[in-house]
Amino acid sequence: MARTHGSKAEITGPLVRESALRLFARHGYDAVSMRQIAADVGVQVGTLYAYTADKQALLADLLRGHMEELLAEWSDDPALPALDRLKSFLRFHIQTSLKRPEAVFLSYMELRSLAPENRRAIAALRREYEDALEAILASGEAEGTMKLPDRRLATMALISMLTGVTNWYREDGRLDQERVVAIYWDLVRGAVGA
C-alpha cells in the first residue's frame, strides 16, 4: 500500500493513536487488527511498530494517556467547603468526559483487555482519581454536610453515574451541558445526603 500520509513522528504518531482510539472504541479491542489501524492511518503495517511495540502496548498507552490527562487537568482546593469541591468535581468530570467520549468508553470497556501488568498500572491511576473524589466526600462527612453509609461505594457510584452521561448525551439534544450539570448536581446532592 502506498503511503498516503507523512511518516514523520510528529504526524504519524498522533494519527496512529487517534485511529486506534476510534477503531477500538467503535469495534472493540479484540476485533481490531494492526493491519486495520495501518490502513486507517494510510501507512504500511510495519510503520506502526516505530510508534508502538504491539497492539497491547498501544491500548495501554491510550488508557494511561487518558488517565494521566484527567489527573493533570483536575485541580482541587481543599480550603473550599466540600460541597463546592464536589460540584467542581462533578462539572469537571462531566465536561471532560463529554470532550472525549471515545477515551472514556475505552477506559471503562477495555480495561479487561489489558495484560495484568498494564491493568495494574492503569488501575493505580484510576485509584488516584477515585481517591480525589473520596477525599472530597471525607471532607463533607467531617464538616457534617454529607452523610454516606459507605464512602468508597459512594465514590464508585458517583463516578459511574457521572461517566454514564457519555452514553446518552448529544450536543443537539434537548438538554445543554449546563442543564445536565445542574440536574446531575441535584441528584448528587441527594446521593451524598447533603
N, C-alpha and C. Protein backbone atom coordinates (compact mmCIF):
# COMPACT_ATOMS: atom_id res chain seq x y z
N MET A 1 0.85 -1.18 0.00
CA MET A 1 0.00 0.00 0.00
C MET A 1 0.89 1.24 0.00
N ALA A 2 0.58 2.17 -0.81
CA ALA A 2 1.34 3.41 -0.86
C ALA A 2 0.98 4.26 0.35
N ARG A 3 1.96 4.96 0.82
CA ARG A 3 1.74 5.83 1.98
C ARG A 3 0.90 7.02 1.54
N THR A 4 -0.14 7.32 2.32
CA THR A 4 -1.00 8.46 1.98
C THR A 4 -0.78 9.63 2.93
N HIS A 5 -0.13 9.41 4.04
CA HIS A 5 0.18 10.48 4.99
C HIS A 5 1.68 10.49 5.19
N GLY A 6 2.20 11.60 5.67
CA GLY A 6 3.62 11.66 6.00
C GLY A 6 3.94 10.69 7.12
N SER A 7 5.18 10.26 7.17
CA SER A 7 5.55 9.31 8.22
C SER A 7 6.45 9.97 9.25
N LYS A 8 6.42 11.28 9.33
CA LYS A 8 7.18 11.96 10.37
C LYS A 8 6.55 11.64 11.71
N ALA A 9 7.39 11.46 12.72
CA ALA A 9 6.91 11.05 14.04
C ALA A 9 5.86 11.99 14.60
N GLU A 10 6.03 13.28 14.41
CA GLU A 10 5.08 14.24 14.99
C GLU A 10 3.73 14.21 14.28
N ILE A 11 3.68 13.63 13.10
CA ILE A 11 2.41 13.50 12.36
C ILE A 11 1.84 12.10 12.53
N THR A 12 2.64 11.10 12.24
CA THR A 12 2.15 9.73 12.22
C THR A 12 1.83 9.19 13.61
N GLY A 13 2.67 9.50 14.59
CA GLY A 13 2.42 9.01 15.96
C GLY A 13 1.03 9.37 16.46
N PRO A 14 0.65 10.65 16.41
CA PRO A 14 -0.70 11.02 16.85
C PRO A 14 -1.79 10.40 15.98
N LEU A 15 -1.54 10.25 14.67
CA LEU A 15 -2.53 9.62 13.81
C LEU A 15 -2.76 8.16 14.19
N VAL A 16 -1.69 7.47 14.56
CA VAL A 16 -1.81 6.07 15.00
C VAL A 16 -2.67 5.99 16.25
N ARG A 17 -2.39 6.88 17.20
CA ARG A 17 -3.17 6.89 18.45
C ARG A 17 -4.65 7.22 18.19
N GLU A 18 -4.89 8.25 17.38
CA GLU A 18 -6.27 8.65 17.09
C GLU A 18 -7.03 7.52 16.38
N SER A 19 -6.38 6.89 15.44
CA SER A 19 -7.02 5.80 14.71
C SER A 19 -7.32 4.63 15.64
N ALA A 20 -6.34 4.24 16.44
CA ALA A 20 -6.54 3.12 17.36
C ALA A 20 -7.67 3.43 18.35
N LEU A 21 -7.67 4.63 18.88
CA LEU A 21 -8.72 5.02 19.82
C LEU A 21 -10.10 4.90 19.16
N ARG A 22 -10.23 5.46 17.99
CA ARG A 22 -11.52 5.44 17.29
C ARG A 22 -11.95 4.01 16.95
N LEU A 23 -11.02 3.23 16.40
CA LEU A 23 -11.37 1.86 15.99
C LEU A 23 -11.63 0.95 17.19
N PHE A 24 -10.82 1.06 18.24
CA PHE A 24 -11.04 0.26 19.45
C PHE A 24 -12.40 0.61 20.07
N ALA A 25 -12.72 1.90 20.12
CA ALA A 25 -13.99 2.32 20.73
C ALA A 25 -15.18 1.86 19.88
N ARG A 26 -15.03 1.90 18.59
CA ARG A 26 -16.13 1.55 17.69
C ARG A 26 -16.35 0.04 17.59
N HIS A 27 -15.24 -0.72 17.48
CA HIS A 27 -15.36 -2.16 17.18
C HIS A 27 -14.92 -3.08 18.32
N GLY A 28 -14.22 -2.53 19.31
CA GLY A 28 -13.68 -3.35 20.39
C GLY A 28 -12.23 -3.72 20.10
N TYR A 29 -11.45 -3.77 21.13
CA TYR A 29 -10.02 -4.05 21.02
C TYR A 29 -9.75 -5.35 20.27
N ASP A 30 -10.44 -6.42 20.66
CA ASP A 30 -10.18 -7.74 20.07
C ASP A 30 -10.52 -7.81 18.59
N ALA A 31 -11.45 -6.99 18.13
CA ALA A 31 -11.89 -7.05 16.74
C ALA A 31 -11.03 -6.21 15.80
N VAL A 32 -10.12 -5.42 16.34
CA VAL A 32 -9.31 -4.53 15.52
C VAL A 32 -7.90 -5.09 15.38
N SER A 33 -7.42 -5.11 14.16
CA SER A 33 -6.05 -5.59 13.91
C SER A 33 -5.12 -4.41 13.66
N MET A 34 -3.83 -4.67 13.79
CA MET A 34 -2.83 -3.66 13.47
C MET A 34 -2.95 -3.30 11.98
N ARG A 35 -3.30 -4.26 11.16
CA ARG A 35 -3.47 -4.00 9.73
C ARG A 35 -4.59 -2.97 9.50
N GLN A 36 -5.68 -3.09 10.25
CA GLN A 36 -6.78 -2.12 10.11
C GLN A 36 -6.34 -0.72 10.54
N ILE A 37 -5.58 -0.65 11.62
CA ILE A 37 -5.10 0.65 12.09
C ILE A 37 -4.18 1.26 11.04
N ALA A 38 -3.27 0.47 10.50
CA ALA A 38 -2.35 0.96 9.48
C ALA A 38 -3.12 1.46 8.26
N ALA A 39 -4.12 0.70 7.83
CA ALA A 39 -4.92 1.11 6.67
C ALA A 39 -5.64 2.42 6.95
N ASP A 40 -6.16 2.56 8.15
CA ASP A 40 -6.87 3.78 8.53
C ASP A 40 -5.94 4.99 8.53
N VAL A 41 -4.71 4.78 8.98
CA VAL A 41 -3.73 5.86 9.03
C VAL A 41 -3.15 6.13 7.64
N GLY A 42 -3.10 5.09 6.82
CA GLY A 42 -2.55 5.23 5.48
C GLY A 42 -1.06 4.93 5.41
N VAL A 43 -0.61 3.97 6.25
CA VAL A 43 0.80 3.58 6.27
C VAL A 43 0.89 2.06 6.17
N GLN A 44 2.10 1.58 5.94
CA GLN A 44 2.35 0.14 5.96
C GLN A 44 2.25 -0.36 7.41
N VAL A 45 1.85 -1.61 7.58
CA VAL A 45 1.71 -2.19 8.92
C VAL A 45 3.02 -2.06 9.70
N GLY A 46 4.13 -2.34 9.04
CA GLY A 46 5.42 -2.27 9.72
C GLY A 46 5.73 -0.90 10.29
N THR A 47 5.17 0.15 9.69
CA THR A 47 5.40 1.52 10.17
C THR A 47 4.86 1.70 11.59
N LEU A 48 3.76 1.01 11.91
CA LEU A 48 3.16 1.15 13.24
C LEU A 48 4.15 0.80 14.35
N TYR A 49 5.03 -0.14 14.07
CA TYR A 49 5.94 -0.62 15.11
C TYR A 49 7.05 0.37 15.42
N ALA A 50 7.11 1.45 14.67
CA ALA A 50 8.01 2.55 15.03
C ALA A 50 7.38 3.40 16.15
N TYR A 51 6.07 3.21 16.35
CA TYR A 51 5.34 4.02 17.32
C TYR A 51 4.81 3.23 18.51
N THR A 52 4.78 1.92 18.39
CA THR A 52 4.29 1.08 19.48
C THR A 52 4.89 -0.31 19.34
N ALA A 53 5.11 -0.96 20.45
CA ALA A 53 5.68 -2.31 20.42
C ALA A 53 4.69 -3.31 19.83
N ASP A 54 3.42 -3.15 20.17
CA ASP A 54 2.37 -4.05 19.68
C ASP A 54 1.01 -3.47 20.04
N LYS A 55 -0.04 -4.18 19.70
CA LYS A 55 -1.40 -3.70 19.94
C LYS A 55 -1.67 -3.53 21.42
N GLN A 56 -1.18 -4.44 22.25
CA GLN A 56 -1.38 -4.35 23.70
C GLN A 56 -0.74 -3.08 24.25
N ALA A 57 0.47 -2.78 23.81
CA ALA A 57 1.16 -1.56 24.26
C ALA A 57 0.40 -0.32 23.82
N LEU A 58 -0.19 -0.38 22.64
CA LEU A 58 -0.96 0.74 22.12
C LEU A 58 -2.20 0.98 22.99
N LEU A 59 -2.91 -0.08 23.33
CA LEU A 59 -4.07 0.06 24.21
C LEU A 59 -3.66 0.61 25.56
N ALA A 60 -2.61 0.05 26.15
CA ALA A 60 -2.16 0.51 27.46
C ALA A 60 -1.77 1.99 27.40
N ASP A 61 -1.12 2.40 26.32
CA ASP A 61 -0.71 3.79 26.16
C ASP A 61 -1.93 4.70 26.07
N LEU A 62 -2.94 4.27 25.35
CA LEU A 62 -4.17 5.07 25.24
C LEU A 62 -4.85 5.23 26.60
N LEU A 63 -4.97 4.14 27.33
CA LEU A 63 -5.64 4.20 28.64
C LEU A 63 -4.81 5.01 29.64
N ARG A 64 -3.50 4.82 29.62
CA ARG A 64 -2.61 5.58 30.50
C ARG A 64 -2.70 7.07 30.18
N GLY A 65 -2.64 7.39 28.89
CA GLY A 65 -2.72 8.79 28.48
C GLY A 65 -4.00 9.45 28.93
N HIS A 66 -5.12 8.74 28.80
CA HIS A 66 -6.41 9.28 29.24
C HIS A 66 -6.39 9.59 30.73
N MET A 67 -5.94 8.64 31.52
CA MET A 67 -5.93 8.85 32.97
C MET A 67 -4.94 9.93 33.38
N GLU A 68 -3.79 9.96 32.76
CA GLU A 68 -2.80 10.99 33.10
C GLU A 68 -3.30 12.39 32.74
N GLU A 69 -3.99 12.51 31.62
CA GLU A 69 -4.57 13.80 31.25
C GLU A 69 -5.64 14.22 32.26
N LEU A 70 -6.47 13.28 32.64
CA LEU A 70 -7.52 13.56 33.61
C LEU A 70 -6.92 14.05 34.93
N LEU A 71 -5.92 13.34 35.41
CA LEU A 71 -5.27 13.72 36.67
C LEU A 71 -4.56 15.06 36.56
N ALA A 72 -3.93 15.33 35.42
CA ALA A 72 -3.22 16.59 35.24
C ALA A 72 -4.18 17.78 35.17
N GLU A 73 -5.35 17.56 34.59
CA GLU A 73 -6.32 18.65 34.41
C GLU A 73 -7.14 18.94 35.67
N TRP A 74 -7.34 17.93 36.52
CA TRP A 74 -8.17 18.12 37.71
C TRP A 74 -7.38 18.89 38.76
N SER A 75 -8.02 19.88 39.34
CA SER A 75 -7.41 20.58 40.48
C SER A 75 -8.49 20.78 41.53
N ASP A 76 -8.07 20.70 42.76
CA ASP A 76 -8.98 20.78 43.89
C ASP A 76 -8.42 21.79 44.88
N ASP A 77 -9.28 22.48 45.56
CA ASP A 77 -8.87 23.41 46.60
C ASP A 77 -9.45 22.95 47.93
N PRO A 78 -8.66 22.22 48.72
CA PRO A 78 -9.16 21.69 49.99
C PRO A 78 -9.62 22.76 50.98
N ALA A 79 -9.30 24.02 50.74
CA ALA A 79 -9.74 25.09 51.63
C ALA A 79 -11.22 25.44 51.41
N LEU A 80 -11.77 25.05 50.27
CA LEU A 80 -13.18 25.33 49.98
C LEU A 80 -14.09 24.35 50.71
N PRO A 81 -15.35 24.72 50.93
CA PRO A 81 -16.31 23.77 51.51
C PRO A 81 -16.44 22.53 50.61
N ALA A 82 -16.68 21.41 51.22
CA ALA A 82 -16.73 20.14 50.49
C ALA A 82 -17.80 20.14 49.40
N LEU A 83 -18.94 20.74 49.64
CA LEU A 83 -19.98 20.76 48.62
C LEU A 83 -19.55 21.56 47.39
N ASP A 84 -18.82 22.64 47.58
CA ASP A 84 -18.29 23.41 46.45
C ASP A 84 -17.28 22.56 45.67
N ARG A 85 -16.46 21.85 46.40
CA ARG A 85 -15.46 20.98 45.76
C ARG A 85 -16.14 19.85 44.98
N LEU A 86 -17.20 19.30 45.57
CA LEU A 86 -17.93 18.22 44.90
C LEU A 86 -18.57 18.73 43.62
N LYS A 87 -19.16 19.91 43.67
CA LYS A 87 -19.77 20.47 42.47
C LYS A 87 -18.71 20.71 41.39
N SER A 88 -17.53 21.16 41.79
CA SER A 88 -16.43 21.36 40.83
C SER A 88 -16.01 20.04 40.21
N PHE A 89 -15.95 18.99 41.04
CA PHE A 89 -15.58 17.67 40.53
C PHE A 89 -16.63 17.19 39.53
N LEU A 90 -17.89 17.34 39.89
CA LEU A 90 -18.98 16.92 39.02
C LEU A 90 -18.90 17.64 37.67
N ARG A 91 -18.76 18.94 37.70
CA ARG A 91 -18.69 19.72 36.46
C ARG A 91 -17.47 19.30 35.63
N PHE A 92 -16.33 19.17 36.29
CA PHE A 92 -15.11 18.77 35.60
C PHE A 92 -15.28 17.40 34.95
N HIS A 93 -15.80 16.44 35.71
CA HIS A 93 -15.90 15.08 35.20
C HIS A 93 -16.87 15.01 34.00
N ILE A 94 -18.00 15.65 34.11
CA ILE A 94 -18.97 15.62 33.01
C ILE A 94 -18.39 16.32 31.78
N GLN A 95 -17.88 17.52 31.95
CA GLN A 95 -17.38 18.26 30.80
C GLN A 95 -16.18 17.57 30.15
N THR A 96 -15.29 17.05 30.96
CA THR A 96 -14.12 16.36 30.42
C THR A 96 -14.55 15.08 29.70
N SER A 97 -15.46 14.35 30.28
CA SER A 97 -15.94 13.11 29.66
C SER A 97 -16.61 13.39 28.32
N LEU A 98 -17.39 14.46 28.25
CA LEU A 98 -18.08 14.77 27.00
C LEU A 98 -17.14 15.28 25.91
N LYS A 99 -15.98 15.78 26.31
CA LYS A 99 -14.99 16.21 25.32
C LYS A 99 -14.30 15.02 24.66
N ARG A 100 -14.21 13.90 25.39
CA ARG A 100 -13.50 12.72 24.85
C ARG A 100 -14.25 11.43 25.17
N PRO A 101 -15.44 11.28 24.61
CA PRO A 101 -16.24 10.10 24.93
C PRO A 101 -15.61 8.78 24.50
N GLU A 102 -14.86 8.78 23.40
CA GLU A 102 -14.23 7.53 22.97
C GLU A 102 -13.18 7.08 23.99
N ALA A 103 -12.41 8.01 24.51
CA ALA A 103 -11.39 7.67 25.51
C ALA A 103 -12.05 7.16 26.79
N VAL A 104 -13.16 7.78 27.17
CA VAL A 104 -13.89 7.34 28.37
C VAL A 104 -14.44 5.93 28.15
N PHE A 105 -15.07 5.71 27.01
CA PHE A 105 -15.61 4.40 26.70
C PHE A 105 -14.51 3.34 26.74
N LEU A 106 -13.41 3.63 26.09
CA LEU A 106 -12.30 2.68 26.04
C LEU A 106 -11.76 2.40 27.44
N SER A 107 -11.66 3.45 28.24
CA SER A 107 -11.12 3.33 29.59
C SER A 107 -11.95 2.38 30.46
N TYR A 108 -13.26 2.38 30.23
CA TYR A 108 -14.11 1.52 31.03
C TYR A 108 -14.36 0.15 30.42
N MET A 109 -14.47 0.10 29.10
CA MET A 109 -14.81 -1.17 28.47
C MET A 109 -13.62 -2.06 28.15
N GLU A 110 -12.47 -1.49 27.96
CA GLU A 110 -11.33 -2.31 27.53
C GLU A 110 -10.27 -2.52 28.60
N LEU A 111 -10.54 -2.13 29.81
CA LEU A 111 -9.63 -2.43 30.91
C LEU A 111 -9.42 -3.94 30.98
N ARG A 112 -10.46 -4.68 30.68
CA ARG A 112 -10.42 -6.15 30.71
C ARG A 112 -9.44 -6.72 29.69
N SER A 113 -9.13 -5.96 28.63
CA SER A 113 -8.25 -6.46 27.57
C SER A 113 -6.77 -6.25 27.86
N LEU A 114 -6.47 -5.56 28.95
CA LEU A 114 -5.07 -5.30 29.29
C LEU A 114 -4.41 -6.53 29.90
N ALA A 115 -3.14 -6.69 29.61
CA ALA A 115 -2.32 -7.70 30.28
C ALA A 115 -2.23 -7.31 31.76
N PRO A 116 -2.02 -8.27 32.65
CA PRO A 116 -2.03 -7.97 34.09
C PRO A 116 -1.15 -6.80 34.52
N GLU A 117 0.07 -6.72 34.01
CA GLU A 117 0.96 -5.63 34.44
C GLU A 117 0.42 -4.27 33.97
N ASN A 118 -0.14 -4.23 32.78
CA ASN A 118 -0.73 -2.99 32.30
C ASN A 118 -2.00 -2.65 33.08
N ARG A 119 -2.80 -3.65 33.39
CA ARG A 119 -4.03 -3.43 34.16
C ARG A 119 -3.71 -2.85 35.53
N ARG A 120 -2.65 -3.36 36.16
CA ARG A 120 -2.26 -2.83 37.48
C ARG A 120 -1.87 -1.36 37.39
N ALA A 121 -1.10 -1.01 36.36
CA ALA A 121 -0.65 0.38 36.20
C ALA A 121 -1.84 1.32 35.97
N ILE A 122 -2.77 0.92 35.12
CA ILE A 122 -3.94 1.76 34.85
C ILE A 122 -4.85 1.81 36.07
N ALA A 123 -5.00 0.69 36.75
CA ALA A 123 -5.83 0.66 37.96
C ALA A 123 -5.28 1.61 39.02
N ALA A 124 -3.96 1.72 39.12
CA ALA A 124 -3.35 2.64 40.09
C ALA A 124 -3.69 4.09 39.75
N LEU A 125 -3.67 4.42 38.46
CA LEU A 125 -4.03 5.78 38.04
C LEU A 125 -5.52 6.05 38.30
N ARG A 126 -6.34 5.07 38.00
CA ARG A 126 -7.78 5.23 38.26
C ARG A 126 -8.03 5.40 39.75
N ARG A 127 -7.31 4.66 40.55
CA ARG A 127 -7.49 4.76 42.00
C ARG A 127 -7.11 6.16 42.49
N GLU A 128 -6.07 6.73 41.89
CA GLU A 128 -5.67 8.08 42.26
C GLU A 128 -6.80 9.08 41.99
N TYR A 129 -7.46 8.92 40.87
CA TYR A 129 -8.57 9.80 40.52
C TYR A 129 -9.77 9.55 41.45
N GLU A 130 -10.08 8.31 41.70
CA GLU A 130 -11.16 7.97 42.62
C GLU A 130 -10.87 8.51 44.02
N ASP A 131 -9.61 8.43 44.43
CA ASP A 131 -9.23 8.93 45.75
C ASP A 131 -9.46 10.44 45.87
N ALA A 132 -9.31 11.16 44.77
CA ALA A 132 -9.56 12.60 44.79
C ALA A 132 -11.02 12.87 45.15
N LEU A 133 -11.93 12.12 44.55
CA LEU A 133 -13.34 12.28 44.89
C LEU A 133 -13.62 11.79 46.31
N GLU A 134 -13.02 10.68 46.67
CA GLU A 134 -13.26 10.16 48.01
C GLU A 134 -12.79 11.13 49.09
N ALA A 135 -11.71 11.85 48.83
CA ALA A 135 -11.21 12.85 49.78
C ALA A 135 -12.23 13.98 49.96
N ILE A 136 -12.89 14.35 48.88
CA ILE A 136 -13.93 15.38 48.96
C ILE A 136 -15.09 14.87 49.82
N LEU A 137 -15.49 13.63 49.60
CA LEU A 137 -16.58 13.05 50.39
C LEU A 137 -16.21 12.94 51.86
N ALA A 138 -14.97 12.59 52.13
CA ALA A 138 -14.50 12.51 53.52
C ALA A 138 -14.56 13.88 54.18
N SER A 139 -14.20 14.92 53.45
CA SER A 139 -14.28 16.28 53.99
C SER A 139 -15.73 16.65 54.27
N GLY A 140 -16.62 16.26 53.37
CA GLY A 140 -18.04 16.54 53.58
C GLY A 140 -18.58 15.86 54.82
N GLU A 141 -18.15 14.64 55.04
CA GLU A 141 -18.57 13.93 56.26
C GLU A 141 -18.01 14.62 57.50
N ALA A 142 -16.74 15.02 57.42
CA ALA A 142 -16.11 15.69 58.56
C ALA A 142 -16.78 17.03 58.87
N GLU A 143 -17.19 17.74 57.82
CA GLU A 143 -17.88 19.02 58.00
C GLU A 143 -19.32 18.83 58.48
N GLY A 144 -19.85 17.64 58.27
CA GLY A 144 -21.25 17.39 58.59
C GLY A 144 -22.21 17.81 57.48
N THR A 145 -21.67 18.09 56.29
CA THR A 145 -22.54 18.50 55.17
C THR A 145 -22.94 17.31 54.30
N MET A 146 -22.33 16.14 54.54
CA MET A 146 -22.67 14.94 53.79
C MET A 146 -22.82 13.78 54.75
N LYS A 147 -23.70 12.87 54.39
CA LYS A 147 -23.91 11.67 55.21
C LYS A 147 -23.94 10.48 54.27
N LEU A 148 -22.95 9.61 54.42
CA LEU A 148 -22.79 8.48 53.50
C LEU A 148 -22.75 7.16 54.27
N PRO A 149 -23.52 6.17 53.85
CA PRO A 149 -23.45 4.88 54.52
C PRO A 149 -22.13 4.15 54.25
N ASP A 150 -21.54 4.38 53.07
CA ASP A 150 -20.26 3.76 52.71
C ASP A 150 -19.55 4.68 51.72
N ARG A 151 -18.52 5.36 52.17
CA ARG A 151 -17.84 6.37 51.36
C ARG A 151 -17.24 5.79 50.08
N ARG A 152 -16.60 4.64 50.17
CA ARG A 152 -15.96 4.06 48.98
C ARG A 152 -17.00 3.67 47.93
N LEU A 153 -18.08 3.07 48.39
CA LEU A 153 -19.16 2.71 47.47
C LEU A 153 -19.77 3.96 46.85
N ALA A 154 -19.95 5.00 47.63
CA ALA A 154 -20.49 6.25 47.11
C ALA A 154 -19.56 6.84 46.05
N THR A 155 -18.27 6.76 46.29
CA THR A 155 -17.29 7.24 45.32
C THR A 155 -17.45 6.53 43.99
N MET A 156 -17.48 5.21 44.03
CA MET A 156 -17.59 4.42 42.80
C MET A 156 -18.93 4.67 42.11
N ALA A 157 -20.00 4.77 42.88
CA ALA A 157 -21.33 5.00 42.30
C ALA A 157 -21.40 6.37 41.63
N LEU A 158 -20.83 7.39 42.27
CA LEU A 158 -20.86 8.73 41.69
C LEU A 158 -20.06 8.79 40.39
N ILE A 159 -18.87 8.21 40.39
CA ILE A 159 -18.07 8.23 39.17
C ILE A 159 -18.79 7.49 38.05
N SER A 160 -19.39 6.37 38.37
CA SER A 160 -20.14 5.62 37.37
C SER A 160 -21.31 6.44 36.83
N MET A 161 -22.03 7.09 37.71
CA MET A 161 -23.17 7.90 37.30
C MET A 161 -22.72 9.06 36.41
N LEU A 162 -21.68 9.74 36.80
CA LEU A 162 -21.19 10.89 36.04
C LEU A 162 -20.64 10.46 34.68
N THR A 163 -19.95 9.35 34.66
CA THR A 163 -19.37 8.85 33.41
C THR A 163 -20.46 8.41 32.45
N GLY A 164 -21.56 7.94 32.97
CA GLY A 164 -22.66 7.45 32.15
C GLY A 164 -23.24 8.50 31.22
N VAL A 165 -22.99 9.76 31.49
CA VAL A 165 -23.51 10.82 30.63
C VAL A 165 -23.02 10.65 29.19
N THR A 166 -21.86 10.06 29.01
CA THR A 166 -21.32 9.87 27.65
C THR A 166 -22.15 8.89 26.84
N ASN A 167 -22.94 8.07 27.49
CA ASN A 167 -23.75 7.07 26.79
C ASN A 167 -24.99 7.66 26.13
N TRP A 168 -25.47 8.78 26.65
CA TRP A 168 -26.74 9.30 26.12
C TRP A 168 -26.71 10.75 25.68
N TYR A 169 -25.75 11.53 26.15
CA TYR A 169 -25.75 12.96 25.84
C TYR A 169 -25.47 13.21 24.36
N ARG A 170 -26.21 14.14 23.77
CA ARG A 170 -25.99 14.56 22.39
C ARG A 170 -25.98 16.09 22.36
N GLU A 171 -25.01 16.65 21.66
CA GLU A 171 -24.90 18.11 21.54
C GLU A 171 -26.20 18.74 21.05
N ASP A 172 -26.89 18.06 20.15
CA ASP A 172 -28.12 18.62 19.59
C ASP A 172 -29.36 18.11 20.32
N GLY A 173 -29.17 17.54 21.51
CA GLY A 173 -30.29 17.01 22.29
C GLY A 173 -31.06 18.10 22.99
N ARG A 174 -32.03 17.70 23.78
CA ARG A 174 -32.91 18.67 24.42
C ARG A 174 -32.28 19.39 25.61
N LEU A 175 -31.18 18.85 26.16
CA LEU A 175 -30.51 19.48 27.30
C LEU A 175 -29.10 19.91 26.90
N ASP A 176 -28.75 21.15 27.24
CA ASP A 176 -27.36 21.55 27.01
C ASP A 176 -26.52 21.10 28.21
N GLN A 177 -25.22 21.24 28.09
CA GLN A 177 -24.33 20.75 29.14
C GLN A 177 -24.59 21.41 30.49
N GLU A 178 -24.88 22.70 30.49
CA GLU A 178 -25.13 23.39 31.76
C GLU A 178 -26.36 22.84 32.46
N ARG A 179 -27.38 22.52 31.69
CA ARG A 179 -28.60 21.96 32.29
C ARG A 179 -28.34 20.56 32.81
N VAL A 180 -27.55 19.79 32.07
CA VAL A 180 -27.18 18.45 32.53
C VAL A 180 -26.41 18.54 33.85
N VAL A 181 -25.46 19.45 33.91
CA VAL A 181 -24.68 19.62 35.15
C VAL A 181 -25.61 20.00 36.30
N ALA A 182 -26.55 20.90 36.06
CA ALA A 182 -27.47 21.33 37.12
C ALA A 182 -28.34 20.17 37.61
N ILE A 183 -28.85 19.38 36.70
CA ILE A 183 -29.69 18.24 37.10
C ILE A 183 -28.85 17.19 37.83
N TYR A 184 -27.69 16.90 37.31
CA TYR A 184 -26.81 15.95 37.98
C TYR A 184 -26.43 16.46 39.37
N TRP A 185 -26.24 17.75 39.51
CA TRP A 185 -25.89 18.31 40.82
C TRP A 185 -27.01 18.04 41.82
N ASP A 186 -28.25 18.21 41.42
CA ASP A 186 -29.37 17.89 42.31
C ASP A 186 -29.35 16.41 42.70
N LEU A 187 -29.08 15.54 41.72
CA LEU A 187 -29.03 14.11 42.00
C LEU A 187 -27.87 13.76 42.94
N VAL A 188 -26.73 14.35 42.70
CA VAL A 188 -25.55 14.06 43.52
C VAL A 188 -25.73 14.56 44.95
N ARG A 189 -26.28 15.75 45.10
CA ARG A 189 -26.53 16.25 46.46
C ARG A 189 -27.39 15.28 47.25
N GLY A 190 -28.43 14.76 46.59
CA GLY A 190 -29.27 13.77 47.28
C GLY A 190 -28.50 12.49 47.58
N ALA A 191 -27.65 12.08 46.65
CA ALA A 191 -26.90 10.83 46.83
C ALA A 191 -25.92 10.91 48.00
N VAL A 192 -25.41 12.11 48.29
CA VAL A 192 -24.43 12.23 49.37
C VAL A 192 -25.07 12.70 50.67
N GLY A 193 -26.40 12.79 50.69
CA GLY A 193 -27.09 13.17 51.91
C GLY A 193 -26.86 14.61 52.29
N ALA A 194 -26.72 15.48 51.29
CA ALA A 194 -26.46 16.91 51.57
C ALA A 194 -27.78 17.61 51.84
